[in-house]
Protein backbone atom coordinates (compact mmCIF):
# COMPACT_ATOMS: atom_id res chain seq x y z
CA MET A 1 -13.19 67.69 -60.50
CA LEU A 2 -12.25 70.57 -58.13
CA VAL A 3 -9.02 70.17 -56.14
CA ALA A 4 -8.35 72.75 -53.32
CA ILE A 5 -4.64 73.18 -52.20
CA VAL A 6 -4.55 74.99 -48.86
CA GLY A 7 -2.18 75.85 -45.97
CA PRO A 8 0.07 78.53 -44.71
CA MET A 9 2.71 80.41 -46.57
CA PHE A 10 5.89 78.43 -47.36
CA ALA A 11 3.92 75.14 -47.43
CA GLY A 12 4.42 74.59 -51.30
CA LYS A 13 0.78 75.47 -52.31
CA THR A 14 1.99 77.16 -55.62
CA THR A 15 4.67 74.36 -56.22
CA GLU A 16 1.96 71.68 -55.97
CA LEU A 17 -0.41 73.64 -58.37
CA ILE A 18 2.42 73.92 -60.93
CA ARG A 19 3.40 70.27 -60.53
CA ARG A 20 -0.33 69.15 -61.17
CA VAL A 21 -0.72 71.55 -64.07
CA GLU A 22 2.57 70.51 -65.73
CA ARG A 23 1.49 66.87 -65.47
CA GLN A 24 -1.73 67.63 -67.23
CA ILE A 25 -0.05 69.60 -70.05
CA ILE A 26 2.53 66.64 -70.48
CA ALA A 27 -0.65 64.37 -70.96
CA GLY A 28 -1.73 66.66 -73.92
CA ARG A 29 -4.31 68.65 -72.08
CA SER A 30 -4.90 72.36 -72.49
CA ALA A 31 -4.50 74.33 -69.31
CA ALA A 32 -5.11 77.91 -68.21
CA VAL A 33 -3.41 79.34 -65.09
CA PHE A 34 -4.88 82.49 -63.44
CA LYS A 35 -3.49 84.90 -60.77
CA PRO A 36 -4.64 87.99 -59.09
CA SER A 37 -2.94 91.21 -60.42
CA ILE A 38 -1.93 92.29 -56.86
CA ASP A 39 0.63 89.42 -56.56
CA SER A 40 3.61 90.58 -58.38
CA ARG A 41 6.16 89.40 -55.80
CA TYR A 42 8.36 87.24 -57.96
CA ASP A 43 6.84 87.49 -61.63
CA ALA A 44 4.19 89.82 -62.68
CA LEU A 45 3.00 87.58 -65.55
CA SER A 46 3.49 84.01 -64.02
CA VAL A 47 2.55 82.02 -61.01
CA ALA A 48 5.76 81.76 -59.12
CA ALA A 49 6.64 79.72 -56.09
CA HIS A 50 9.07 80.81 -53.53
CA ASN A 51 11.50 78.06 -54.70
CA GLY A 52 11.72 79.77 -58.22
CA LEU A 53 9.22 77.51 -60.18
CA ARG A 54 7.19 79.53 -62.58
CA LEU A 55 4.30 79.04 -64.91
CA LYS A 56 2.74 81.62 -67.37
CA ALA A 57 -0.52 82.94 -66.24
CA PHE A 58 -3.54 85.11 -67.11
CA VAL A 59 -3.37 88.02 -64.78
CA VAL A 60 -6.88 89.26 -63.63
CA PRO A 61 -8.02 91.77 -61.13
CA PRO A 62 -9.04 90.21 -57.67
CA ASP A 63 -12.64 91.38 -58.00
CA GLU A 64 -15.86 90.31 -59.68
CA SER A 65 -14.52 91.19 -63.11
CA GLY A 66 -11.57 88.83 -62.53
CA VAL A 67 -13.94 85.96 -61.39
CA ALA A 68 -16.01 86.55 -64.56
CA ALA A 69 -12.79 86.54 -66.70
CA ILE A 70 -11.71 83.21 -65.09
CA ALA A 71 -15.29 81.74 -65.53
CA GLU A 72 -15.27 82.90 -69.34
CA GLU A 73 -11.86 82.12 -70.40
CA GLY A 74 -11.78 78.87 -68.42
CA GLU A 75 -14.46 77.34 -70.34
CA ARG A 76 -11.93 76.96 -73.26
CA TYR A 77 -9.60 74.67 -71.39
CA ASP A 78 -9.42 71.21 -70.13
CA VAL A 79 -7.59 72.39 -66.94
CA VAL A 80 -8.09 75.58 -64.97
CA ALA A 81 -5.75 76.61 -62.18
CA VAL A 82 -6.20 79.62 -59.88
CA ASP A 83 -3.40 80.64 -57.52
CA GLU A 84 -3.91 82.85 -54.32
CA VAL A 85 -7.52 82.26 -54.35
CA GLN A 86 -7.83 84.19 -50.92
CA PHE A 87 -7.57 87.55 -52.74
CA PHE A 88 -10.59 86.99 -54.86
CA PRO A 89 -14.26 87.60 -53.76
CA PRO A 90 -16.04 84.57 -52.34
CA SER A 91 -18.08 84.25 -55.58
CA LEU A 92 -15.00 82.72 -57.13
CA ALA A 93 -16.03 79.36 -55.35
CA GLU A 94 -19.21 79.07 -57.28
CA ALA A 95 -17.38 79.96 -60.44
CA LEU A 96 -14.94 77.20 -60.06
CA ASP A 97 -17.53 74.75 -58.95
CA ARG A 98 -19.39 75.31 -62.38
CA LEU A 99 -16.07 74.96 -64.21
CA ALA A 100 -15.38 71.72 -62.51
CA TYR A 101 -18.20 69.94 -64.41
CA GLY A 102 -16.17 68.47 -67.32
CA ARG A 103 -12.79 69.82 -66.48
CA LEU A 104 -10.04 69.64 -63.83
CA VAL A 105 -9.96 72.69 -61.59
CA ILE A 106 -7.16 73.34 -59.18
CA ALA A 107 -7.36 76.21 -56.66
CA ALA A 108 -4.48 77.10 -54.32
CA GLY A 109 -4.60 79.56 -51.51
CA LEU A 110 -4.02 80.42 -47.69
CA ASN A 111 -6.53 78.81 -45.47
CA LEU A 112 -6.04 81.37 -42.65
CA ASP A 113 -4.98 84.90 -42.49
CA TYR A 114 -2.03 86.27 -40.35
CA ARG A 115 -4.56 86.46 -37.31
CA GLY A 116 -5.46 82.98 -37.65
CA GLU A 117 -8.89 83.55 -39.11
CA PRO A 118 -10.11 81.76 -42.12
CA PHE A 119 -10.34 83.33 -45.60
CA GLU A 120 -13.94 83.21 -46.78
CA THR A 121 -13.10 82.44 -50.42
CA THR A 122 -10.84 79.64 -49.52
CA MET A 123 -13.33 78.00 -47.08
CA ARG A 124 -16.10 78.11 -49.77
CA ILE A 125 -13.70 76.56 -52.33
CA MET A 126 -12.93 73.90 -49.81
CA ALA A 127 -16.63 73.19 -49.33
CA TYR A 128 -17.24 72.66 -53.02
CA ALA A 129 -13.91 70.63 -53.54
CA ASP A 130 -13.87 67.09 -54.51
CA LYS A 131 -10.48 66.87 -52.89
CA VAL A 132 -8.66 69.04 -50.45
CA VAL A 133 -4.91 68.89 -50.17
CA SER A 134 -3.88 70.40 -46.79
CA LEU A 135 -0.16 71.17 -46.68
CA THR A 136 2.00 72.21 -43.82
CA ALA A 137 5.21 74.22 -43.81
CA VAL A 138 7.93 73.97 -41.11
CA CYS A 139 7.72 76.18 -38.01
CA LYS A 140 10.50 78.90 -38.13
CA VAL A 141 10.77 78.76 -34.33
CA CYS A 142 10.71 74.95 -33.47
CA GLY A 143 10.75 72.91 -36.63
CA ARG A 144 7.41 71.19 -36.01
CA PRO A 145 4.59 71.16 -38.71
CA ALA A 146 3.43 74.76 -39.28
CA THR A 147 -0.37 75.49 -40.03
CA ARG A 148 -0.21 79.29 -39.48
CA THR A 149 1.20 82.25 -41.18
CA GLN A 150 3.02 84.83 -39.02
CA ARG A 151 3.16 88.42 -40.15
CA LEU A 152 6.36 90.33 -38.98
CA ILE A 153 6.82 94.15 -38.73
CA GLY A 154 10.44 94.92 -37.96
CA GLY A 155 11.16 91.28 -37.01
CA ARG A 156 8.26 91.29 -34.26
CA PRO A 157 4.78 89.77 -34.56
CA ALA A 158 2.38 92.09 -36.25
CA PRO A 159 -0.65 93.36 -34.06
CA ALA A 160 -4.15 92.13 -34.76
CA ASP A 161 -5.31 95.61 -35.98
CA GLY A 162 -3.13 95.66 -39.12
CA PRO A 163 -4.65 95.33 -42.78
CA ARG A 164 -5.86 91.81 -43.51
CA ILE A 165 -4.30 91.81 -46.91
CA LEU A 166 -0.46 92.58 -47.18
CA VAL A 167 1.22 90.91 -50.12
CA GLY A 168 4.87 89.93 -49.18
CA GLY A 169 7.25 87.03 -48.90
CA GLY A 170 10.05 86.00 -46.44
CA GLU A 171 10.74 89.53 -45.40
CA THR A 172 7.10 89.97 -43.99
CA TYR A 173 5.95 86.49 -43.14
CA GLU A 174 7.10 83.18 -41.32
CA ALA A 175 5.50 79.86 -41.13
CA ARG A 176 4.61 78.88 -37.47
CA CYS A 177 2.97 76.11 -35.61
CA ARG A 178 -0.13 76.83 -33.46
CA ARG A 179 2.05 77.14 -30.32
CA HIS A 180 4.36 79.77 -31.80
CA HIS A 181 1.85 81.83 -33.66
CA ILE A 182 1.58 85.12 -32.04
CA VAL A 183 -0.94 87.95 -32.63
CA PRO A 184 -0.43 90.81 -30.11
CA GLY A 185 -3.66 92.08 -28.83
CA ARG A 186 -5.40 88.65 -28.89
CA THR A 187 -5.41 86.09 -26.10
CA ALA A 188 -4.38 82.43 -26.66
CA GLY A 189 -6.67 80.62 -28.88
CA GLY A 190 -7.18 83.65 -31.25
CA GLY A 191 -9.00 85.86 -28.77
CA ARG A 192 -12.36 84.48 -29.82
């Protein structure tokens, strides 16, 4: 079974991944957790949630060699979990789909980038998933359910021409609802 946990930053995706893995470990199932090497915000050797929860992880490069390591090492476990899937190449989706035959696979990641555009890898994993858990955060502006991640530079919304990948936490990002998600240089509706 493949479970995809998706949503914006601060929605509790990693917390939910850790919760699901810990339940399996308590039941006596072997588990391997993977994270991309570029995410060392809270702990270089563990998946770590914003609320402080941690779980030891295999740290792999967010490239094809990392996907191969997840596919190979994952074969040895009953449960395979991957955090921050948006940082990996789209081929991760097929690797996780293959692993899901005979084991539980849990994949957590951002559904949209700071511009409000879908991450290809997350989209592909969602397409293969047996279950999609879509989480929301709380909009930092109005308190409504937040489905977007707002990037900030100097406390102001980041323009659309910035780098797509910029690892950060509360100092760089906020959860926002659709109404309060702003990308300078884009018209309402994402400029599409």
